[in-house]
N, C-alpha and C. Protein backbone atom coordinates (compact mmCIF):
# COMPACT_ATOMS: atom_id res chain seq x y z
N MET A 1 115.56 100.22 33.00
CA MET A 1 115.13 101.85 32.56
C MET A 1 115.25 102.18 31.97
N ALA A 2 116.96 102.58 31.76
CA ALA A 2 117.21 103.24 30.58
C ALA A 2 116.98 102.85 28.77
N LYS A 3 116.73 101.67 28.95
CA LYS A 3 116.38 101.11 27.87
C LYS A 3 114.97 101.51 27.14
N THR A 4 113.91 101.62 28.17
CA THR A 4 112.70 101.59 28.30
C THR A 4 112.55 103.46 28.28
N ALA A 5 112.98 103.33 28.70
CA ALA A 5 113.58 105.60 28.16
C ALA A 5 113.63 105.91 26.81
N ILE A 6 114.69 104.95 26.60
CA ILE A 6 115.38 105.18 24.92
C ILE A 6 114.56 104.86 23.90
N ALA A 7 113.51 104.09 24.34
CA ALA A 7 112.19 103.20 23.50
C ALA A 7 111.31 104.43 23.24
N TYR A 8 111.03 104.68 24.57
CA TYR A 8 109.94 106.24 24.56
C TYR A 8 110.50 107.43 23.72
N LYS A 9 111.59 107.53 24.04
CA LYS A 9 112.37 108.47 23.19
C LYS A 9 112.35 108.16 22.08
N GLU A 10 112.49 107.69 21.14
CA GLU A 10 112.25 107.15 19.59
C GLU A 10 111.11 107.18 19.31
N LYS A 11 109.94 106.37 20.24
CA LYS A 11 108.41 106.19 19.65
C LYS A 11 108.11 107.84 19.88
N MET A 12 108.26 108.83 20.45
CA MET A 12 108.10 110.15 20.40
C MET A 12 108.75 111.24 19.65
N LYS A 13 110.01 110.57 18.86
CA LYS A 13 110.56 110.99 17.62
C LYS A 13 109.43 110.80 16.17
N GLU A 14 109.22 110.04 16.35
CA GLU A 14 107.97 109.53 15.38
C GLU A 14 107.06 109.95 15.40
N MET A 15 106.44 109.77 17.03
CA MET A 15 104.85 110.34 16.94
C MET A 15 104.70 111.83 16.51
N SER A 16 106.12 112.63 16.71
CA SER A 16 106.46 114.06 16.66
C SER A 16 106.25 114.12 15.04
N VAL A 17 106.69 113.45 14.52
CA VAL A 17 106.66 113.68 12.67
C VAL A 17 105.69 113.43 12.60
N LEU A 18 105.15 112.50 12.83
CA LEU A 18 103.77 112.38 12.63
C LEU A 18 102.29 113.44 12.77
N SER A 19 103.10 113.46 13.75
CA SER A 19 101.59 114.64 14.28
C SER A 19 101.73 116.08 13.78
N LEU A 20 103.10 116.12 13.23
CA LEU A 20 103.51 117.20 12.66
C LEU A 20 102.73 117.95 11.45
N LEU A 21 102.80 116.18 10.72
CA LEU A 21 102.24 116.24 9.33
C LEU A 21 100.73 116.56 9.40
N CYS A 22 100.26 115.81 10.13
CA CYS A 22 98.64 115.68 10.38
C CYS A 22 98.18 116.49 10.73
N SER A 23 99.14 117.43 11.80
CA SER A 23 98.49 118.75 12.16
C SER A 23 98.87 120.01 11.02
N CYS A 24 99.73 119.91 10.18
CA CYS A 24 99.95 120.82 9.00
C CYS A 24 98.96 120.65 8.01
N LEU A 25 98.32 118.87 7.93
CA LEU A 25 97.39 118.95 7.05
C LEU A 25 96.20 119.05 7.09
N TYR A 26 95.36 117.95 8.66
CA TYR A 26 93.84 118.52 9.00
C TYR A 26 93.94 119.23 10.63
N PRO A 27 94.20 120.26 10.59
CA PRO A 27 94.41 120.95 11.99
C PRO A 27 93.18 120.52 12.95
N GLU A 28 92.71 120.26 12.55
CA GLU A 28 91.55 120.06 14.01
C GLU A 28 91.18 118.61 14.34
N THR A 29 92.10 117.71 13.97
CA THR A 29 92.24 116.43 14.18
C THR A 29 93.95 116.33 14.57
N ARG A 30 94.17 117.22 15.58
CA ARG A 30 95.22 117.51 16.19
C ARG A 30 95.09 117.22 17.59
N LYS A 31 94.10 117.73 18.29
CA LYS A 31 93.82 116.68 19.47
C LYS A 31 93.30 115.83 19.93
N ASN A 32 93.17 115.13 18.46
CA ASN A 32 92.41 113.88 18.65
C ASN A 32 94.17 112.94 18.41
N LEU A 33 95.34 113.27 17.46
CA LEU A 33 96.36 112.64 17.52
C LEU A 33 96.85 112.50 19.34
N VAL A 34 97.24 113.64 20.00
CA VAL A 34 97.83 113.44 21.13
C VAL A 34 97.11 112.97 22.23
N GLY A 35 95.52 112.66 21.74
CA GLY A 35 94.76 111.80 22.91
C GLY A 35 94.84 109.89 22.49
N GLU A 36 95.33 109.90 21.23
CA GLU A 36 95.38 108.23 21.23
C GLU A 36 97.29 108.13 21.53
N PHE A 37 97.81 109.25 21.90
CA PHE A 37 99.60 108.94 22.40
C PHE A 37 99.44 108.55 23.61
N GLN A 38 98.53 108.53 24.75
CA GLN A 38 98.16 108.35 25.45
C GLN A 38 97.91 106.73 26.11
N VAL A 39 99.31 106.23 26.63
CA VAL A 39 99.00 104.48 26.35
C VAL A 39 99.52 104.72 27.80
N ALA A 40 99.66 103.62 28.24
CA ALA A 40 100.26 102.74 29.61
C ALA A 40 101.37 103.41 29.97
N GLY A 41 101.79 103.78 30.29
CA GLY A 41 103.48 103.98 30.94
C GLY A 41 103.73 105.67 30.46
N MET A 42 103.16 106.00 29.87
CA MET A 42 103.35 107.89 29.56
C MET A 42 101.99 108.87 28.97
N GLU A 43 102.64 109.91 29.21
CA GLU A 43 101.29 110.81 28.95
C GLU A 43 102.28 111.89 27.92
N VAL A 44 101.31 112.34 26.96
CA VAL A 44 101.82 112.93 26.36
C VAL A 44 100.89 114.58 26.33
N LYS A 45 101.61 115.99 26.35
CA LYS A 45 100.91 116.64 26.42
C LYS A 45 101.84 117.88 25.32
N PRO A 46 101.22 118.48 24.83
CA PRO A 46 101.65 119.19 23.84
C PRO A 46 101.70 120.74 24.03
N ILE A 47 102.89 121.50 23.66
CA ILE A 47 103.48 122.69 24.17
C ILE A 47 103.36 123.54 22.84
N ASN A 48 102.58 124.56 23.16
CA ASN A 48 102.24 125.74 21.70
C ASN A 48 102.84 126.89 21.71
N LYS A 49 104.15 127.01 23.10
CA LYS A 49 105.02 127.97 23.15
C LYS A 49 106.26 127.86 21.73
N ARG A 50 106.64 126.84 20.75
CA ARG A 50 107.31 127.41 20.13
C ARG A 50 107.33 127.89 18.87
N ALA A 51 107.86 128.30 17.90
CA ALA A 51 107.57 129.46 17.14
C ALA A 51 108.05 128.39 15.81
N SER A 52 109.13 127.87 16.01
CA SER A 52 109.14 126.63 14.74
C SER A 52 108.87 125.49 14.34
N GLY A 53 107.96 125.36 15.49
CA GLY A 53 107.11 124.03 15.17
C GLY A 53 106.26 123.66 16.35
N GLN A 54 105.81 122.16 16.20
CA GLN A 54 104.96 121.82 17.42
C GLN A 54 106.04 121.28 18.76
N ALA A 55 105.86 120.94 19.41
CA ALA A 55 106.64 120.37 20.60
C ALA A 55 105.94 119.59 21.85
N PHE A 56 105.70 118.68 22.20
CA PHE A 56 105.30 117.57 23.29
C PHE A 56 106.35 117.20 24.15
N GLU A 57 105.41 117.21 25.87
CA GLU A 57 106.04 117.01 26.67
C GLU A 57 106.12 115.56 27.32
N VAL A 58 106.57 114.98 27.30
CA VAL A 58 106.67 113.17 27.66
C VAL A 58 106.65 112.80 29.40
N ILE A 59 105.54 112.43 29.62
CA ILE A 59 105.63 112.28 31.18
C ILE A 59 105.68 110.98 31.30
N LEU A 60 106.63 110.48 31.80
CA LEU A 60 106.41 108.77 31.44
C LEU A 60 106.13 108.78 33.24
N LYS A 61 104.87 107.80 33.37
CA LYS A 61 104.76 106.99 34.71
C LYS A 61 104.62 106.36 35.52
N PRO A 62 105.50 106.07 36.59
CA PRO A 62 105.91 105.21 36.97
C PRO A 62 105.11 103.92 37.43
N PRO A 63 105.84 102.59 36.91
CA PRO A 63 105.31 101.46 36.48
C PRO A 63 103.85 100.91 37.77
N SER A 64 102.74 100.85 37.69
CA SER A 64 101.69 100.41 38.94
C SER A 64 102.19 98.94 39.63
N PRO A 65 101.60 98.82 40.99
CA PRO A 65 101.78 97.55 41.40
C PRO A 65 100.86 96.35 40.41
N VAL A 66 100.40 96.57 40.03
CA VAL A 66 99.55 95.42 39.37
C VAL A 66 100.23 94.90 38.09
N SER A 67 101.09 95.94 37.52
CA SER A 67 101.51 95.19 36.45
C SER A 67 103.25 94.58 37.05
N ASP A 68 103.64 95.10 38.04
CA ASP A 68 104.77 94.20 38.67
C ASP A 68 104.36 92.89 38.83
N ALA A 69 103.13 92.69 39.74
CA ALA A 69 103.22 91.41 39.57
C ALA A 69 102.93 90.45 38.37
N ALA A 70 102.64 91.05 37.47
CA ALA A 70 102.14 90.07 36.04
C ALA A 70 103.47 89.77 35.75
N HIS A 71 104.80 90.79 35.92
CA HIS A 71 106.03 90.04 35.66
C HIS A 71 106.92 89.33 36.56
N CYS A 72 106.42 89.13 37.60
CA CYS A 72 107.14 88.70 38.12
C CYS A 72 107.01 86.95 38.03
N VAL A 73 107.65 86.53 37.78
CA VAL A 73 107.78 84.54 37.71
C VAL A 73 108.42 84.18 39.19
N THR A 74 107.72 83.25 39.62
CA THR A 74 108.65 82.38 41.09
C THR A 74 109.05 80.97 40.19
N SER A 75 109.91 80.76 40.87
CA SER A 75 110.58 79.74 40.10
C SER A 75 109.98 78.48 40.66
N PRO A 76 110.24 76.76 40.06
CA PRO A 76 109.33 76.61 40.32
C PRO A 76 110.17 75.56 41.72
N PRO A 77 109.16 74.81 42.73
CA PRO A 77 109.88 74.19 43.90
C PRO A 77 111.06 73.08 43.22
N LYS A 78 112.11 73.28 44.52
CA LYS A 78 113.09 72.14 44.11
C LYS A 78 112.90 70.95 44.32
N ARG A 79 113.15 70.38 43.81
CA ARG A 79 112.94 68.67 44.15
C ARG A 79 114.14 67.98 44.69
N GLU A 80 113.88 67.31 45.10
CA GLU A 80 115.35 66.66 45.86
C GLU A 80 115.83 66.02 45.12
N VAL A 81 117.50 66.08 45.30
CA VAL A 81 118.33 65.08 44.51
C VAL A 81 118.18 63.37 45.33
N SER A 82 118.23 62.66 44.74
CA SER A 82 118.73 61.45 45.48
C SER A 82 119.43 60.80 44.83
N LEU A 83 120.24 59.70 45.71
CA LEU A 83 121.92 59.55 45.32
C LEU A 83 121.75 58.73 44.00
N GLU A 84 120.92 57.98 44.06
CA GLU A 84 120.52 57.08 42.46
C GLU A 84 120.14 58.10 41.25
N ASP A 85 119.74 59.48 41.60
CA ASP A 85 119.76 60.89 40.32
C ASP A 85 121.38 60.77 39.96
N ILE A 86 122.19 61.11 41.26
CA ILE A 86 123.10 61.75 41.05
C ILE A 86 123.76 60.45 39.85
N GLN A 87 124.35 59.16 40.55
CA GLN A 87 124.66 58.02 39.57
C GLN A 87 124.52 57.67 38.56
N LYS A 88 122.99 57.88 38.29
CA LYS A 88 122.71 58.12 36.70
C LYS A 88 122.94 59.16 35.95
N LYS A 89 122.74 60.36 36.23
CA LYS A 89 123.93 61.37 35.75
C LYS A 89 125.03 61.43 35.92
N LEU A 90 126.22 60.80 36.63
CA LEU A 90 127.24 60.48 36.57
C LEU A 90 127.44 59.80 35.57
N GLU A 91 127.17 58.77 35.24
CA GLU A 91 127.23 57.33 34.16
C GLU A 91 126.79 58.01 33.17
N ALA A 92 126.19 59.26 32.90
CA ALA A 92 125.27 59.54 31.59
C ALA A 92 126.44 60.78 31.22
N ALA A 93 127.48 60.73 32.11
CA ALA A 93 128.18 62.04 31.75
C ALA A 93 129.19 61.33 31.48
N GLU A 94 129.75 60.06 32.06
CA GLU A 94 130.53 59.22 31.48
C GLU A 94 130.94 58.55 30.31
N ASP A 95 129.32 57.87 29.94
CA ASP A 95 128.68 57.35 28.33
C ASP A 95 129.64 58.09 27.79
N ARG A 96 129.08 59.84 28.13
CA ARG A 96 129.30 60.96 26.36
C ARG A 96 130.79 60.71 26.37
N ARG A 97 131.25 61.32 27.58
CA ARG A 97 132.91 61.47 27.12
C ARG A 97 133.30 60.10 26.75
N ARG A 98 133.02 58.92 26.82
CA ARG A 98 133.42 58.03 26.07
C ARG A 98 133.02 58.36 24.88
N SER A 99 131.93 58.28 24.33
CA SER A 99 131.71 58.70 22.78
C SER A 99 132.26 59.21 22.57
N GLN A 100 132.47 60.87 23.04
CA GLN A 100 133.22 61.62 22.71
C GLN A 100 134.31 60.99 22.42
N GLU A 101 135.79 60.49 23.74
CA GLU A 101 136.72 60.27 22.74
C GLU A 101 136.48 59.25 21.96
N ALA A 102 135.65 58.30 21.67
CA ALA A 102 136.02 56.83 20.71
C ALA A 102 135.43 57.73 19.58
N GLN A 103 135.00 59.35 19.41
CA GLN A 103 134.47 59.97 17.72
C GLN A 103 135.95 61.03 17.62
N VAL A 104 136.36 61.12 18.65
CA VAL A 104 137.91 62.26 18.43
C VAL A 104 138.66 61.08 18.07
N LEU A 105 138.73 59.70 18.45
CA LEU A 105 140.36 58.84 17.86
C LEU A 105 139.40 58.43 16.78
N ARG A 106 138.00 57.89 16.34
CA ARG A 106 138.01 58.16 14.91
C ARG A 106 138.29 58.83 14.20
N ALA A 107 138.36 60.48 14.15
CA ALA A 107 138.51 61.13 13.09
C ALA A 107 139.92 61.21 13.32
N LEU A 108 140.66 61.06 14.17
CA LEU A 108 142.53 60.80 14.49
C LEU A 108 142.97 59.47 13.53
N ALA A 109 141.81 58.12 13.44
CA ALA A 109 142.47 57.55 12.56
C ALA A 109 142.32 57.79 11.14
N GLU A 110 141.18 58.48 10.65
CA GLU A 110 140.46 58.57 9.38
C GLU A 110 141.69 59.86 9.03
N LYS A 111 141.75 60.81 9.62
CA LYS A 111 142.64 61.76 9.64
C LYS A 111 143.83 60.74 9.23
N ARG A 112 144.97 59.66 9.58
CA ARG A 112 145.64 59.29 9.54
C ARG A 112 145.85 58.52 8.23
N ASP A 113 144.71 57.90 8.10
CA ASP A 113 143.89 56.79 6.94
C ASP A 113 144.12 57.84 5.78
N HIS A 114 144.00 58.98 5.62
CA HIS A 114 143.73 60.19 4.78
C HIS A 114 145.29 60.44 4.21
N GLU A 115 146.08 60.70 5.42
CA GLU A 115 147.14 60.95 5.17
C GLU A 115 148.84 59.98 4.59
N ARG A 116 148.54 58.50 4.62
CA ARG A 116 149.04 57.86 4.18
C ARG A 116 148.45 57.90 2.87
N ASP A 117 147.52 57.71 2.95
CA ASP A 117 146.79 57.22 1.31
C ASP A 117 147.83 58.39 0.34
N VAL A 118 147.77 59.37 1.03
CA VAL A 118 148.26 60.94 0.27
C VAL A 118 149.18 60.46 -0.08
N VAL A 119 150.20 59.97 1.14
CA VAL A 119 151.52 59.94 0.66
C VAL A 119 152.00 58.75 -0.10
N MET A 120 151.56 57.90 0.09
CA MET A 120 151.22 56.17 -0.83
C MET A 120 150.88 56.88 -2.27
N LYS A 121 149.96 57.70 -2.51
CA LYS A 121 149.39 58.51 -3.86
C LYS A 121 150.77 59.15 -4.72
N ALA A 122 151.21 60.42 -3.77
CA ALA A 122 152.51 60.55 -3.97
C ALA A 122 153.71 59.87 -4.57
N MET A 123 153.74 58.90 -3.65
CA MET A 123 154.71 58.00 -3.88
C MET A 123 154.89 56.96 -5.27
N GLU A 124 153.55 56.70 -5.10
CA GLU A 124 153.12 55.93 -6.96
C GLU A 124 153.33 56.82 -7.92
N GLU A 125 153.22 58.35 -7.61
CA GLU A 125 152.92 59.30 -8.98
C GLU A 125 154.83 59.41 -9.47
N ASN A 126 155.10 59.61 -8.09
CA ASN A 126 156.80 59.98 -8.01
C ASN A 126 157.57 59.00 -9.06
N SER A 127 157.10 57.34 -8.59
CA SER A 127 158.06 55.98 -9.64
C SER A 127 157.07 56.33 -10.83
N ASN A 128 155.88 56.82 -10.84
CA ASN A 128 155.54 56.15 -11.80
C ASN A 128 156.61 57.48 -13.10
N PHE A 129 156.58 58.49 -12.61
CA PHE A 129 156.82 59.87 -13.29
C PHE A 129 158.95 59.31 -13.56
N SER A 130 159.42 58.79 -12.72
CA SER A 130 161.21 58.13 -12.90
C SER A 130 161.00 57.60 -13.72
N LYS A 131 159.90 56.62 -14.04
CA LYS A 131 159.54 55.16 -14.90
C LYS A 131 159.40 56.03 -16.16
N MET A 132 158.35 56.91 -16.15
CA MET A 132 158.44 57.74 -17.66
C MET A 132 159.50 57.74 -18.19
N ALA A 133 160.43 58.97 -16.99
CA ALA A 133 161.41 60.17 -17.42
C ALA A 133 162.78 59.05 -18.01
N GLU A 134 162.66 57.54 -16.79
CA GLU A 134 164.06 56.51 -17.64
C GLU A 134 163.33 56.58 -18.78
N GLU A 135 162.14 56.05 -19.06
CA GLU A 135 161.95 54.77 -20.46
C GLU A 135 162.19 56.26 -21.32
N LYS A 136 161.66 57.43 -21.61
CA LYS A 136 162.06 58.22 -22.21
C LYS A 136 163.27 58.98 -22.79
N LEU A 137 164.37 58.84 -21.63
CA LEU A 137 165.65 58.94 -21.49
C LEU A 137 166.64 57.84 -22.24
N THR A 138 165.24 56.59 -22.04
CA THR A 138 166.28 55.68 -23.11
C THR A 138 166.17 55.76 -24.35
N MET A 139 165.05 55.80 -24.36
CA MET A 139 164.64 55.60 -26.03
C MET A 139 164.99 57.33 -26.48
N LYS A 140 165.61 58.28 -26.24
CA LYS A 140 165.65 59.23 -27.08
C LYS A 140 167.43 58.86 -27.28
N MET A 141 168.25 58.08 -25.92
CA MET A 141 169.58 57.88 -26.42
C MET A 141 169.59 57.15 -27.51
N GLU A 142 168.56 56.09 -27.50
CA GLU A 142 168.74 54.82 -28.87
C GLU A 142 168.48 55.46 -29.36
N GLN A 143 167.57 56.58 -29.71
CA GLN A 143 167.30 57.35 -31.31
C GLN A 143 168.26 58.06 -31.43
N ILE A 144 169.20 58.99 -30.47
CA ILE A 144 170.43 59.37 -30.67
C ILE A 144 171.72 58.74 -31.71
N LYS A 145 171.60 57.61 -30.88
CA LYS A 145 173.03 56.60 -31.41
C LYS A 145 172.10 55.63 -32.64
N GLU A 146 171.36 55.63 -32.72
CA GLU A 146 170.86 55.41 -34.04
C GLU A 146 171.01 56.34 -35.30
N ASN A 147 170.42 57.87 -34.89
CA ASN A 147 170.99 58.50 -36.01
C ASN A 147 172.33 58.75 -36.09
N ARG A 148 173.53 58.94 -34.71
CA ARG A 148 175.14 59.22 -35.18
C ARG A 148 175.05 57.66 -35.97
N GLN A 149 175.04 56.62 -35.47
CA GLN A 149 175.79 55.44 -36.68
C GLN A 149 174.89 55.40 -38.11
N ALA A 150 173.63 56.14 -38.11
CA ALA A 150 173.06 56.52 -39.94
C ALA A 150 174.04 57.59 -40.09
N TYR A 151 174.46 58.49 -39.54
CA TYR A 151 175.06 60.12 -40.07
C TYR A 151 176.50 59.31 -40.61
N LEU A 152 176.92 58.50 -39.58
CA LEU A 152 178.69 58.14 -39.67
C LEU A 152 178.39 57.28 -40.86
N ALA A 153 177.53 56.31 -41.19
CA ALA A 153 177.33 55.20 -42.06
C ALA A 153 177.47 56.32 -43.50
N SER A 154 176.74 57.22 -43.23
CA SER A 154 176.20 58.14 -44.51
C SER A 154 177.82 59.16 -44.78
N ILE A 155 178.42 59.45 -43.77
CA ILE A 155 179.64 60.05 -43.82
C ILE A 155 180.50 59.31 -44.90
N MET A 156 180.60 58.16 -44.20
CA MET A 156 181.73 56.65 -44.95
C MET A 156 181.18 56.41 -46.23
N GLU A 157 180.04 56.73 -46.62
CA GLU A 157 179.69 56.35 -47.58
C GLU A 157 179.89 57.15 -48.71
N ARG A 158 180.04 58.76 -48.61
CA ARG A 158 180.15 59.65 -49.14
C ARG A 158 181.52 59.51 -49.28
N LEU A 159 182.37 59.26 -48.21
CA LEU A 159 184.11 59.59 -48.14
C LEU A 159 184.49 58.41 -49.31
N GLN A 160 183.94 57.20 -48.79
CA GLN A 160 184.39 56.57 -50.46
C GLN A 160 183.81 56.60 -51.66
N GLU A 161 183.18 57.45 -51.97
CA GLU A 161 182.75 57.08 -52.85
C GLU A 161 183.06 58.88 -53.82
N LYS A 162 183.97 59.35 -52.76
CA LYS A 162 185.04 60.65 -53.10
C LYS A 162 186.28 59.95 -53.37
N VAL A 163 186.54 58.80 -52.70
CA VAL A 163 187.95 58.23 -53.05
C VAL A 163 187.74 57.55 -53.95
N ARG A 164 186.76 56.51 -54.34
CA ARG A 164 186.69 55.87 -56.04
C ARG A 164 186.49 56.86 -56.80
N GLY A 165 186.01 58.27 -56.98
CA GLY A 165 186.44 59.10 -57.88
C GLY A 165 187.30 59.39 -58.46
N GLU A 166 188.10 60.01 -56.81
CA GLU A 166 189.46 60.14 -56.86
C GLU A 166 190.82 59.36 -57.78
N LEU A 167 190.65 58.35 -57.46
CA LEU A 167 191.59 57.21 -57.49
C LEU A 167 190.51 55.98 -58.68
N GLY A 168 189.28 56.08 -59.17
CA GLY A 168 189.09 55.40 -60.00
C GLY A 168 189.29 55.40 -61.23
N GLY A 169 189.47 54.92 -62.21
CA GLY A 169 190.41 54.85 -63.49
C GLY A 169 188.49 54.01 -64.52
N LYS A 170 188.94 53.94 -65.48
CA LYS A 170 188.17 53.76 -66.66
C LYS A 170 188.67 52.30 -66.64
N ASP A 171 189.50 51.84 -66.35
CA ASP A 171 189.88 49.99 -66.47
C ASP A 171 189.61 49.39 -65.33
N GLY A 172 189.05 50.12 -64.56
CA GLY A 172 189.03 49.22 -63.05
C GLY A 172 189.82 49.67 -62.01
N ARG A 173 191.24 50.16 -62.42
CA ARG A 173 192.02 50.24 -61.70
C ARG A 173 192.26 51.67 -60.53
N TRP A 174 192.69 51.72 -59.46
CA TRP A 174 192.51 53.21 -59.32
C TRP A 174 193.90 53.58 -58.89
N ARG A 175 194.11 54.44 -59.01
CA ARG A 175 195.56 55.23 -58.89
C ARG A 175 195.42 56.08 -57.61
N GLN A 176 196.98 55.55 -57.13
CA GLN A 176 196.74 56.57 -55.39
C GLN A 176 198.52 56.62 -55.68
N GLN A 177 198.57 58.06 -55.41
CA GLN A 177 200.03 58.49 -54.82
C GLN A 177 200.73 58.05 -53.95
N ASP A 178 201.52 57.11 -54.25
CA ASP A 178 202.61 56.80 -53.03
C ASP A 178 202.80 58.23 -52.21
N GLN A 179 202.83 58.21 -51.07
CA GLN A 179 203.55 59.13 -50.23
C GLN A 179 204.79 59.39 -50.60
N GLY A 180 205.58 58.43 -50.27
CA GLY A 180 207.06 58.25 -50.33
C GLY A 180 207.55 58.90 -51.53
N SER A 181 207.27 57.96 -52.64
CA SER A 181 208.07 58.27 -53.49
C SER A 181 207.28 59.28 -54.29
N GLY A 182 205.96 59.82 -54.07
CA GLY A 182 205.27 60.50 -55.08
C GLY A 182 204.88 60.00 -56.43
N GLN A 183 204.91 58.74 -56.74
CA GLN A 183 204.44 58.35 -58.07
C GLN A 183 203.13 57.77 -57.46
N GLU A 184 202.74 57.29 -58.78
CA GLU A 184 201.31 56.89 -58.56
C GLU A 184 201.28 55.55 -58.97
N VAL A 185 200.65 54.85 -57.95
CA VAL A 185 200.80 53.42 -58.18
C VAL A 185 199.17 52.96 -57.79
N ASP A 186 199.23 51.88 -58.78
CA ASP A 186 197.86 50.95 -59.03
C ASP A 186 197.28 50.26 -58.39
N ILE A 187 195.91 50.30 -57.95
CA ILE A 187 194.95 49.74 -56.91
C ILE A 187 193.93 48.85 -57.93
N PHE A 188 194.19 47.73 -57.70
CA PHE A 188 192.92 46.89 -58.06
C PHE A 188 191.68 47.02 -57.20
N ARG A 189 190.57 46.50 -58.20
CA ARG A 189 189.17 46.48 -56.77
C ARG A 189 189.13 44.92 -56.51
């Protein structure tokens, strides 16, 4: 009943604004508008005692017995439930329970398979990464070893050229100062 009263109030707010606008524009149709709003369940009466505008009195009518009968719905007659019907319903419920269990188990198996695939893929990627890192490190170490050997060879060659230049003579002899005596000694090539 409270919802109905609120709905009527909302409707009357809308009708008040409408009738105010219409009465300002067309004063002769004011009585016709009030007549339109006499609907089943309520009665609208204008009050002309307000100086600031129009006012209406809304009177809610009690529901008639005819309308109550239309809204009353009887429940269908209950049919008797037999033992066979109960057994069928129990079997159907058991089938539903089994199918739901199977579905849950399938979902868990799929999830487990997915997790296993993810772990295997991660292990494979880790293994591949380790192999690649090891190969790169081996290649880098070989390159460093080759560069070091080339560097040492170039240093040895420059040192030998330097020694040849200091000791070398025109006649093919090299002269070297003896450590102990301080005299120059000839060395043949």
